[in-house]
Amino acid sequence: MPTAAALVIGNEILSGRTHDANIHYLARRLTALGVRLREVRVVEDDAQAIGRAVNELRRAHTYVFTTGGIGPTHDDITAASIARALKLPLITDRAALACLVAHYRARGTTLNAARRRMARMPKGSTLVENPVSSSPGFRIRNVFVLAGVPAIMQAMFESIAATLKGGPPLLSRTVRVSLPEGDFAVGLERLQALFADVEIGSYPSFTRRDPGVRIVLRSQDAGRLAAAVAGLMALIARLGGEAEEIVAVALSPSAPAS
């Protein structure tokens, strides 16, 4: 399965002032497209930190998606940082500039020097359409540079989603268990060893509304997934607990995010 990494850029995320909503969206959409999100990093608005992270991630994964830092202000340094990291000239892209000219002209707003900054990108980039505010993102090699504002990031992602090459759909099934984790931890570890090709995660809930533990099992092989679920059900029954399957979803490559 192709893999991806997300690089979230911005001091406002690290300071806690802004809550990031983009990682969840990317994870769900990439999973639906048959691309596994393997890594997420958050870095400050620092050229060296951005460049170092981009170079490490693009060498380790099929795709890299960055969010944030492509606006008109002094701290929007993503494009320049990536150009420097890839040893490419930072240019004003003519097509990107044309998008901005048309956008601001239609609104009777001046395309000043600050707004023109949003047309800068590494030489050789291809544009990522922005249906919301017209200021485009860009792709350079296997790196997609997207906006940080969630509504704009999502629209940008959907404009390039069809170009991503994913693997087989990932199947997911969830079982709610009445026992505490400590009661079945050893048995679950043995089950995971028997089904090494099935990803098994245990997620406890301590709320009154939804007590118990949810076991999430994921695999590309429906038969192996079914066998693992059956093994889990048998394990919980042997321990005197109750198990109920609450989700059985096939995340197909064309499925939209909910």
C-alpha atoms as a PDB file:
ATOM      1  CA  MET A   1       0.000   0.000   0.000  1.00  0.00           C
ATOM      2  CA  PRO A   2       1.344   3.464  -0.856  1.00  0.00           C
ATOM      3  CA  THR A   3       2.190   5.548   2.201  1.00  0.00           C
ATOM      4  CA  ALA A   4       1.864   9.202   3.074  1.00  0.00           C
ATOM      5  CA  ALA A   5       3.047  11.695   5.655  1.00  0.00           C
ATOM      6  CA  ALA A   6       1.432  14.923   6.812  1.00  0.00           C
ATOM      7  CA  LEU A   7       3.506  17.944   7.791  1.00  0.00           C
ATOM      8  CA  VAL A   8       1.573  20.568   9.758  1.00  0.00           C
ATOM      9  CA  ILE A   9       3.335  23.935   9.709  1.00  0.00           C
ATOM     10  CA  GLY A  10       2.650  26.798  12.090  1.00  0.00           C
ATOM     11  CA  ASN A  11       3.561  28.298  15.447  1.00  0.00           C
ATOM     12  CA  GLU A  12      -0.150  28.649  16.216  1.00  0.00           C
ATOM     13  CA  ILE A  13      -0.537  24.854  16.288  1.00  0.00           C
ATOM     14  CA  LEU A  14       2.423  24.312  18.611  1.00  0.00           C
ATOM     15  CA  SER A  15       1.328  27.119  20.950  1.00  0.00           C
ATOM     16  CA  GLY A  16      -2.122  25.589  21.328  1.00  0.00           C
ATOM     17  CA  ARG A  17      -3.861  28.699  20.004  1.00  0.00           C
ATOM     18  CA  THR A  18      -5.231  26.827  16.986  1.00  0.00           C
ATOM     19  CA  HIS A  19      -6.716  23.332  17.026  1.00  0.00           C
ATOM     20  CA  ASP A  20      -5.624  21.316  13.981  1.00  0.00           C
ATOM     21  CA  ALA A  21      -8.522  19.754  12.072  1.00  0.00           C
ATOM     22  CA  ASN A  22      -6.619  18.738   8.969  1.00  0.00           C
ATOM     23  CA  ILE A  23      -4.923  15.539  10.169  1.00  0.00           C
ATOM     24  CA  HIS A  24      -8.214  13.752  10.820  1.00  0.00           C
ATOM     25  CA  TYR A  25      -9.515  14.697   7.379  1.00  0.00           C
ATOM     26  CA  LEU A  26      -6.337  13.613   5.598  1.00  0.00           C
ATOM     27  CA  ALA A  27      -6.226  10.318   7.481  1.00  0.00           C
ATOM     28  CA  ARG A  28      -9.812   9.415   6.570  1.00  0.00           C
ATOM     29  CA  ARG A  29      -9.555  10.456   2.930  1.00  0.00           C
ATOM     30  CA  LEU A  30      -6.195   8.814   2.344  1.00  0.00           C
ATOM     31  CA  THR A  31      -7.427   5.587   3.919  1.00  0.00           C
ATOM     32  CA  ALA A  32     -10.453   5.687   1.627  1.00  0.00           C
ATOM     33  CA  LEU A  33      -8.146   6.145  -1.351  1.00  0.00           C
ATOM     34  CA  GLY A  34      -5.963   3.171  -0.418  1.00  0.00           C
ATOM     35  CA  VAL A  35      -3.052   5.267   0.877  1.00  0.00           C
ATOM     36  CA  ARG A  36      -1.837   4.655   4.432  1.00  0.00           C
ATOM     37  CA  LEU A  37      -1.002   7.753   6.478  1.00  0.00           C
ATOM     38  CA  ARG A  38       2.085   6.560   8.321  1.00  0.00           C
ATOM     39  CA  GLU A  39       3.488   9.687   9.907  1.00  0.00           C
ATOM     40  CA  VAL A  40       2.450  13.156  11.076  1.00  0.00           C
ATOM     41  CA  ARG A  41       4.807  15.927  12.120  1.00  0.00           C
ATOM     42  CA  VAL A  42       4.184  19.445  13.388  1.00  0.00           C
ATOM     43  CA  VAL A  43       6.909  22.064  12.942  1.00  0.00           C
ATOM     44  CA  GLU A  44       7.185  25.758  13.689  1.00  0.00           C
ATOM     45  CA  ASP A  45       7.487  28.536  11.133  1.00  0.00           C
ATOM     46  CA  ASP A  46      11.205  27.982  10.685  1.00  0.00           C
ATOM     47  CA  ALA A  47      12.842  27.464   7.278  1.00  0.00           C
ATOM     48  CA  GLN A  48      15.352  24.885   8.454  1.00  0.00           C
ATOM     49  CA  ALA A  49      12.771  22.868  10.387  1.00  0.00           C
ATOM     50  CA  ILE A  50      10.384  22.854   7.428  1.00  0.00           C
ATOM     51  CA  GLY A  51      13.101  21.949   4.925  1.00  0.00           C
ATOM     52  CA  ARG A  52      14.539  19.179   7.071  1.00  0.00           C
ATOM     53  CA  ALA A  53      11.133  17.614   7.665  1.00  0.00           C
ATOM     54  CA  VAL A  54      10.125  17.800   3.991  1.00  0.00           C
ATOM     55  CA  ASN A  55      13.329  16.127   2.818  1.00  0.00           C
ATOM     56  CA  GLU A  56      13.079  13.337   5.394  1.00  0.00           C
ATOM     57  CA  LEU A  57       9.404  12.657   4.733  1.00  0.00           C
ATOM     58  CA  ARG A  58       9.514  12.770   0.931  1.00  0.00           C
ATOM     59  CA  ARG A  59      12.283  10.160   0.904  1.00  0.00           C
ATOM     60  CA  ALA A  60      10.387   7.854   3.263  1.00  0.00           C
ATOM     61  CA  HIS A  61       6.867   8.008   1.797  1.00  0.00           C
ATOM     62  CA  THR A  62       4.991   7.904  -1.481  1.00  0.00           C
ATOM     63  CA  TYR A  63       3.291  11.237  -0.799  1.00  0.00           C
ATOM     64  CA  VAL A  64       3.806  14.181   1.547  1.00  0.00           C
ATOM     65  CA  PHE A  65       1.066  16.701   2.327  1.00  0.00           C
ATOM     66  CA  THR A  66       1.956  19.977   4.006  1.00  0.00           C
ATOM     67  CA  THR A  67      -0.639  22.308   5.500  1.00  0.00           C
ATOM     68  CA  GLY A  68      -0.163  25.939   6.437  1.00  0.00           C
ATOM     69  CA  GLY A  69       2.195  28.778   5.699  1.00  0.00           C
ATOM     70  CA  ILE A  70       1.238  29.734   2.135  1.00  0.00           C
ATOM     71  CA  GLY A  71      -0.561  33.023   2.807  1.00  0.00           C
ATOM     72  CA  PRO A  72       0.529  36.647   2.192  1.00  0.00           C
ATOM     73  CA  THR A  73       2.221  37.519   5.496  1.00  0.00           C
ATOM     74  CA  HIS A  74       5.851  37.492   6.581  1.00  0.00           C
ATOM     75  CA  ASP A  75       5.494  34.228   8.509  1.00  0.00           C
ATOM     76  CA  ASP A  76       4.137  32.338   5.495  1.00  0.00           C
ATOM     77  CA  ILE A  77       7.448  30.768   4.514  1.00  0.00           C
ATOM     78  CA  THR A  78       6.474  27.267   3.394  1.00  0.00           C
ATOM     79  CA  ALA A  79       7.043  27.784  -0.343  1.00  0.00           C
ATOM     80  CA  ALA A  80      10.421  29.436   0.129  1.00  0.00           C
ATOM     81  CA  SER A  81      11.516  26.813   2.669  1.00  0.00           C
ATOM     82  CA  ILE A  82      10.610  23.917   0.368  1.00  0.00           C
ATOM     83  CA  ALA A  83      12.332  25.559  -2.606  1.00  0.00           C
ATOM     84  CA  ARG A  84      15.489  25.907  -0.535  1.00  0.00           C
ATOM     85  CA  ALA A  85      15.263  22.320   0.727  1.00  0.00           C
ATOM     86  CA  LEU A  86      14.923  20.985  -2.833  1.00  0.00           C
ATOM     87  CA  LYS A  87      17.626  23.344  -4.138  1.00  0.00           C
ATOM     88  CA  LEU A  88      15.200  24.908  -6.610  1.00  0.00           C
ATOM     89  CA  PRO A  89      14.661  28.573  -7.516  1.00  0.00           C
ATOM     90  CA  LEU A  90      11.656  30.264  -5.943  1.00  0.00           C
ATOM     91  CA  ILE A  91       9.711  31.905  -8.767  1.00  0.00           C
ATOM     92  CA  THR A  92       6.460  33.753  -9.314  1.00  0.00           C
ATOM     93  CA  ASP A  93       4.370  31.218 -11.198  1.00  0.00           C
ATOM     94  CA  ARG A  94       2.525  32.852 -14.095  1.00  0.00           C
ATOM     95  CA  ALA A  95      -0.520  30.605 -13.889  1.00  0.00           C
ATOM     96  CA  ALA A  96      -0.799  31.139 -10.135  1.00  0.00           C
ATOM     97  CA  LEU A  97      -0.467  34.883 -10.591  1.00  0.00           C
ATOM     98  CA  ALA A  98      -3.201  34.835 -13.241  1.00  0.00           C
ATOM     99  CA  CYS A  99      -5.526  33.104 -10.776  1.00  0.00           C
ATOM    100  CA  LEU A 100      -4.867  35.800  -8.205  1.00  0.00           C
ATOM    101  CA  VAL A 101      -5.294  38.635 -10.695  1.00  0.00           C
ATOM    102  CA  ALA A 102      -8.680  37.300 -11.788  1.00  0.00           C
ATOM    103  CA  HIS A 103      -9.790  36.657  -8.219  1.00  0.00           C
ATOM    104  CA  TYR A 104      -8.993  40.113  -6.859  1.00  0.00           C
ATOM    105  CA  ARG A 105     -10.107  41.946  -9.978  1.00  0.00           C
ATOM    106  CA  ALA A 106     -13.530  40.312  -9.716  1.00  0.00           C
ATOM    107  CA  ARG A 107     -13.788  41.573  -6.154  1.00  0.00           C
ATOM    108  CA  GLY A 108     -12.471  45.045  -6.873  1.00  0.00           C
ATOM    109  CA  THR A 109      -9.510  44.475  -4.557  1.00  0.00           C
ATOM    110  CA  THR A 110      -5.925  45.503  -5.205  1.00  0.00           C
ATOM    111  CA  LEU A 111      -3.435  42.743  -5.908  1.00  0.00           C
ATOM    112  CA  ASN A 112      -0.705  44.260  -3.792  1.00  0.00           C
ATOM    113  CA  ALA A 113       2.819  42.967  -3.177  1.00  0.00           C
ATOM    114  CA  ALA A 114       1.747  40.927  -0.159  1.00  0.00           C
ATOM    115  CA  ARG A 115      -0.934  39.072  -2.122  1.00  0.00           C
ATOM    116  CA  ARG A 116       1.467  38.483  -5.018  1.00  0.00           C
ATOM    117  CA  ARG A 117       3.604  36.465  -2.584  1.00  0.00           C
ATOM    118  CA  MET A 118       0.992  33.709  -2.794  1.00  0.00           C
ATOM    119  CA  ALA A 119       2.002  33.058  -6.430  1.00  0.00           C
ATOM    120  CA  ARG A 120       5.564  32.141  -5.424  1.00  0.00           C
ATOM    121  CA  MET A 121       6.575  28.512  -5.554  1.00  0.00           C
ATOM    122  CA  PRO A 122       9.559  26.304  -6.472  1.00  0.00           C
ATOM    123  CA  LYS A 123      10.365  26.212 -10.174  1.00  0.00           C
ATOM    124  CA  GLY A 124       8.800  23.152 -11.816  1.00  0.00           C
ATOM    125  CA  SER A 125       5.748  23.070  -9.558  1.00  0.00           C
ATOM    126  CA  THR A 126       2.270  22.236 -10.815  1.00  0.00           C
ATOM    127  CA  LEU A 127      -0.702  24.064  -9.347  1.00  0.00           C
ATOM    128  CA  VAL A 128      -3.184  22.604  -6.880  1.00  0.00           C
ATOM    129  CA  GLU A 129      -6.546  24.226  -7.507  1.00  0.00           C
ATOM    130  CA  ASN A 130      -8.159  26.260  -4.751  1.00  0.00           C
ATOM    131  CA  PRO A 131     -11.921  26.442  -5.436  1.00  0.00           C
ATOM    132  CA  VAL A 132     -12.546  28.457  -2.250  1.00  0.00           C
ATOM    133  CA  SER A 133     -10.264  31.493  -2.378  1.00  0.00           C
ATOM    134  CA  SER A 134      -8.402  31.021  -5.692  1.00  0.00           C
ATOM    135  CA  SER A 135      -4.897  31.235  -4.213  1.00  0.00           C
ATOM    136  CA  PRO A 136      -3.484  27.880  -5.396  1.00  0.00           C
ATOM    137  CA  GLY A 137      -1.330  25.369  -3.625  1.00  0.00           C
ATOM    138  CA  PHE A 138       1.269  23.438  -5.547  1.00  0.00           C
ATOM    139  CA  ARG A 139       2.865  20.067  -6.087  1.00  0.00           C
ATOM    140  CA  ILE A 140       6.596  19.616  -6.436  1.00  0.00           C
ATOM    141  CA  ARG A 141       7.791  16.044  -6.923  1.00  0.00           C
ATOM    142  CA  ASN A 142       5.861  13.962  -4.368  1.00  0.00           C
ATOM    143  CA  VAL A 143       5.106  16.906  -2.071  1.00  0.00           C
ATOM    144  CA  PHE A 144       1.670  18.559  -2.075  1.00  0.00           C
ATOM    145  CA  VAL A 145       1.577  21.996  -0.459  1.00  0.00           C
ATOM    146  CA  LEU A 146      -1.894  22.880   0.826  1.00  0.00           C
ATOM    147  CA  ALA A 147      -3.466  25.697   2.834  1.00  0.00           C
ATOM    148  CA  GLY A 148      -3.898  25.501   6.592  1.00  0.00           C
ATOM    149  CA  VAL A 149      -7.507  26.732   6.774  1.00  0.00           C
ATOM    150  CA  PRO A 150      -9.520  23.466   6.940  1.00  0.00           C
ATOM    151  CA  ALA A 151     -12.209  24.400   4.404  1.00  0.00           C
ATOM    152  CA  ILE A 152      -9.589  25.487   1.876  1.00  0.00           C
ATOM    153  CA  MET A 153      -7.292  22.528   2.580  1.00  0.00           C
ATOM    154  CA  GLN A 154     -10.145  20.087   2.045  1.00  0.00           C
ATOM    155  CA  ALA A 155     -11.169  21.702  -1.238  1.00  0.00           C
ATOM    156  CA  MET A 156      -7.554  21.626  -2.415  1.00  0.00           C
ATOM    157  CA  PHE A 157      -7.183  17.981  -1.456  1.00  0.00           C
ATOM    158  CA  GLU A 158     -10.325  16.985  -3.331  1.00  0.00           C
ATOM    159  CA  SER A 159      -8.995  18.714  -6.443  1.00  0.00           C
ATOM    160  CA  ILE A 160      -6.001  16.334  -6.504  1.00  0.00           C
ATOM    161  CA  ALA A 161      -7.510  13.209  -4.885  1.00  0.00           C
ATOM    162  CA  ALA A 162      -8.182  11.511  -8.225  1.00  0.00           C
ATOM    163  CA  THR A 163      -4.493  11.808  -9.163  1.00  0.00           C
ATOM    164  CA  LEU A 164      -3.302   9.782  -6.171  1.00  0.00           C
ATOM    165  CA  LYS A 165      -2.475   6.149  -6.824  1.00  0.00           C
ATOM    166  CA  GLY A 166      -3.660   4.010  -3.943  1.00  0.00           C
ATOM    167  CA  GLY A 167      -3.640   0.336  -3.161  1.00  0.00           C
ATOM    168  CA  PRO A 168      -6.502  -2.081  -2.438  1.00  0.00           C
ATOM    169  CA  PRO A 169      -9.234  -0.759  -0.122  1.00  0.00           C
ATOM    170  CA  LEU A 170      -8.634  -1.107   3.586  1.00  0.00           C
ATOM    171  CA  LEU A 171     -11.380  -2.990   5.440  1.00  0.00           C
ATOM    172  CA  SER A 172     -12.206  -2.057   9.025  1.00  0.00           C
ATOM    173  CA  ARG A 173     -14.283  -3.799  11.682  1.00  0.00           C
ATOM    174  CA  THR A 174     -14.857  -2.696  15.270  1.00  0.00           C
ATOM    175  CA  VAL A 175     -15.856  -4.847  18.230  1.00  0.00           C
ATOM    176  CA  ARG A 176     -17.012  -3.424  21.561  1.00  0.00           C
ATOM    177  CA  VAL A 177     -15.829  -5.509  24.532  1.00  0.00           C
ATOM    178  CA  SER A 178     -17.231  -5.392  28.062  1.00  0.00           C
ATOM    179  CA  LEU A 179     -14.020  -6.503  29.806  1.00  0.00           C
ATOM    180  CA  PRO A 180     -11.225  -4.157  30.954  1.00  0.00           C
ATOM    181  CA  GLU A 181      -8.063  -4.285  28.856  1.00  0.00           C
ATOM    182  CA  GLY A 182      -6.034  -6.004  31.552  1.00  0.00           C
ATOM    183  CA  ASP A 183      -8.308  -9.044  31.405  1.00  0.00           C
ATOM    184  CA  PHE A 184      -7.700  -9.806  27.739  1.00  0.00           C
ATOM    185  CA  ALA A 185      -4.332  -8.167  27.012  1.00  0.00           C
ATOM    186  CA  VAL A 186      -2.368 -11.433  26.930  1.00  0.00           C
ATOM    187  CA  GLY A 187      -4.922 -13.152  24.730  1.00  0.00           C
ATOM    188  CA  LEU A 188      -5.084 -10.157  22.390  1.00  0.00           C
ATOM    189  CA  GLU A 189      -1.316 -10.201  22.026  1.00  0.00           C
ATOM    190  CA  ARG A 190      -1.463 -13.863  21.028  1.00  0.00           C
ATOM    191  CA  LEU A 191      -4.253 -13.090  18.544  1.00  0.00           C
ATOM    192  CA  GLN A 192      -2.128 -10.362  16.988  1.00  0.00           C
ATOM    193  CA  ALA A 193       0.747 -12.821  16.623  1.00  0.00           C
ATOM    194  CA  LEU A 194      -1.541 -15.246  14.798  1.00  0.00           C
ATOM    195  CA  PHE A 195      -2.813 -12.486  12.503  1.00  0.00           C
ATOM    196  CA  ALA A 196       0.281 -10.424  11.838  1.00  0.00           C
ATOM    197  CA  ASP A 197      -1.274  -9.141   8.599  1.00  0.00           C
ATOM    198  CA  VAL A 198      -4.253  -7.679  10.480  1.00  0.00           C
ATOM    199  CA  GLU A 199      -3.808  -4.407  12.345  1.00  0.00           C
ATOM    200  CA  ILE A 200      -5.413  -4.753  15.798  1.00  0.00           C
ATOM    201  CA  GLY A 201      -5.815  -1.783  18.144  1.00  0.00           C
ATOM    202  CA  SER A 202      -7.395  -1.546  21.589  1.00  0.00           C
ATOM    203  CA  TYR A 203      -9.088   1.719  22.610  1.00  0.00           C
ATOM    204  CA  PRO A 204     -10.672   1.996  26.094  1.00  0.00           C
ATOM    205  CA  SER A 205     -13.509   4.393  26.879  1.00  0.00           C
ATOM    206  CA  PHE A 206     -14.117   5.692  30.376  1.00  0.00           C
ATOM    207  CA  THR A 207     -17.321   7.626  29.727  1.00  0.00           C
ATOM    208  CA  ARG A 208     -20.627   6.605  31.278  1.00  0.00           C
ATOM    209  CA  ARG A 209     -22.304   6.884  27.910  1.00  0.00           C
ATOM    210  CA  ASP A 210     -19.942   4.478  26.156  1.00  0.00           C
ATOM    211  CA  PRO A 211     -18.057   2.290  28.659  1.00  0.00           C
ATOM    212  CA  GLY A 212     -15.864  -0.639  27.725  1.00  0.00           C
ATOM    213  CA  VAL A 213     -13.183  -1.134  25.114  1.00  0.00           C
ATOM    214  CA  ARG A 214     -13.339  -0.930  21.349  1.00  0.00           C
ATOM    215  CA  ILE A 215     -11.094  -3.275  19.402  1.00  0.00           C
ATOM    216  CA  VAL A 216     -10.490  -2.057  15.854  1.00  0.00           C
ATOM    217  CA  LEU A 217      -9.264  -4.591  13.299  1.00  0.00           C
ATOM    218  CA  ARG A 218      -8.105  -3.519   9.818  1.00  0.00           C
ATOM    219  CA  SER A 219      -6.838  -5.468   6.836  1.00  0.00           C
ATOM    220  CA  GLN A 220      -6.909  -5.545   3.046  1.00  0.00           C
ATOM    221  CA  ASP A 221      -7.900  -9.235   3.137  1.00  0.00           C
ATOM    222  CA  ALA A 222     -11.576  -9.764   3.988  1.00  0.00           C
ATOM    223  CA  GLY A 223     -11.068 -13.433   4.817  1.00  0.00           C
ATOM    224  CA  ARG A 224      -8.225 -12.842   7.221  1.00  0.00           C
ATOM    225  CA  LEU A 225     -10.108  -9.964   8.816  1.00  0.00           C
ATOM    226  CA  ALA A 226     -13.169 -12.150   9.368  1.00  0.00           C
ATOM    227  CA  ALA A 227     -11.038 -14.877  10.914  1.00  0.00           C
ATOM    228  CA  ALA A 228      -9.386 -12.397  13.262  1.00  0.00           C
ATOM    229  CA  VAL A 229     -12.774 -11.045  14.357  1.00  0.00           C
ATOM    230  CA  ALA A 230     -13.977 -14.591  15.021  1.00  0.00           C
ATOM    231  CA  GLY A 231     -10.868 -15.257  17.065  1.00  0.00           C
ATOM    232  CA  LEU A 232     -11.463 -12.113  19.095  1.00  0.00           C
ATOM    233  CA  MET A 233     -15.081 -13.038  19.763  1.00  0.00           C
ATOM    234  CA  ALA A 234     -14.003 -16.506  20.931  1.00  0.00           C
ATOM    235  CA  LEU A 235     -11.319 -15.020  23.194  1.00  0.00           C
ATOM    236  CA  ILE A 236     -13.746 -12.681  24.954  1.00  0.00           C
ATOM    237  CA  ALA A 237     -16.324 -15.460  25.359  1.00  0.00           C
ATOM    238  CA  ARG A 238     -13.715 -17.742  26.988  1.00  0.00           C
ATOM    239  CA  LEU A 239     -12.949 -14.973  29.463  1.00  0.00           C
ATOM    240  CA  GLY A 240     -16.609 -14.577  30.387  1.00  0.00           C
ATOM    241  CA  GLY A 241     -17.091 -11.207  28.706  1.00  0.00           C
ATOM    242  CA  GLU A 242     -19.430  -9.862  26.086  1.00  0.00           C
ATOM    243  CA  ALA A 243     -18.392  -8.718  22.603  1.00  0.00           C
ATOM    244  CA  GLU A 244     -20.529  -6.903  20.057  1.00  0.00           C
ATOM    245  CA  GLU A 245     -19.511  -5.829  16.572  1.00  0.00           C
ATOM    246  CA  ILE A 246     -20.574  -2.224  16.039  1.00  0.00           C
ATOM    247  CA  VAL A 247     -18.902  -1.340  12.728  1.00  0.00           C
ATOM    248  CA  ALA A 248     -18.256  -3.246   9.516  1.00  0.00           C
ATOM    249  CA  VAL A 249     -17.050  -0.783   6.896  1.00  0.00           C
ATOM    250  CA  ALA A 250     -15.170  -1.160   3.616  1.00  0.00           C
ATOM    251  CA  LEU A 251     -13.307   2.078   2.958  1.00  0.00           C
ATOM    252  CA  SER A 252     -13.284   1.948  -0.816  1.00  0.00           C
ATOM    253  CA  PRO A 253     -10.941   4.206  -2.784  1.00  0.00           C
ATOM    254  CA  SER A 254     -13.881   6.240  -4.046  1.00  0.00           C
ATOM    255  CA  ALA A 255     -15.672   6.638  -0.734  1.00  0.00           C
ATOM    256  CA  PRO A 256     -16.158  10.232   0.397  1.00  0.00           C
ATOM    257  CA  ALA A 257     -15.187  11.362   3.854  1.00  0.00           C
ATOM    258  CA  SER A 258     -17.985  11.582   6.373  1.00  0.00           C
END
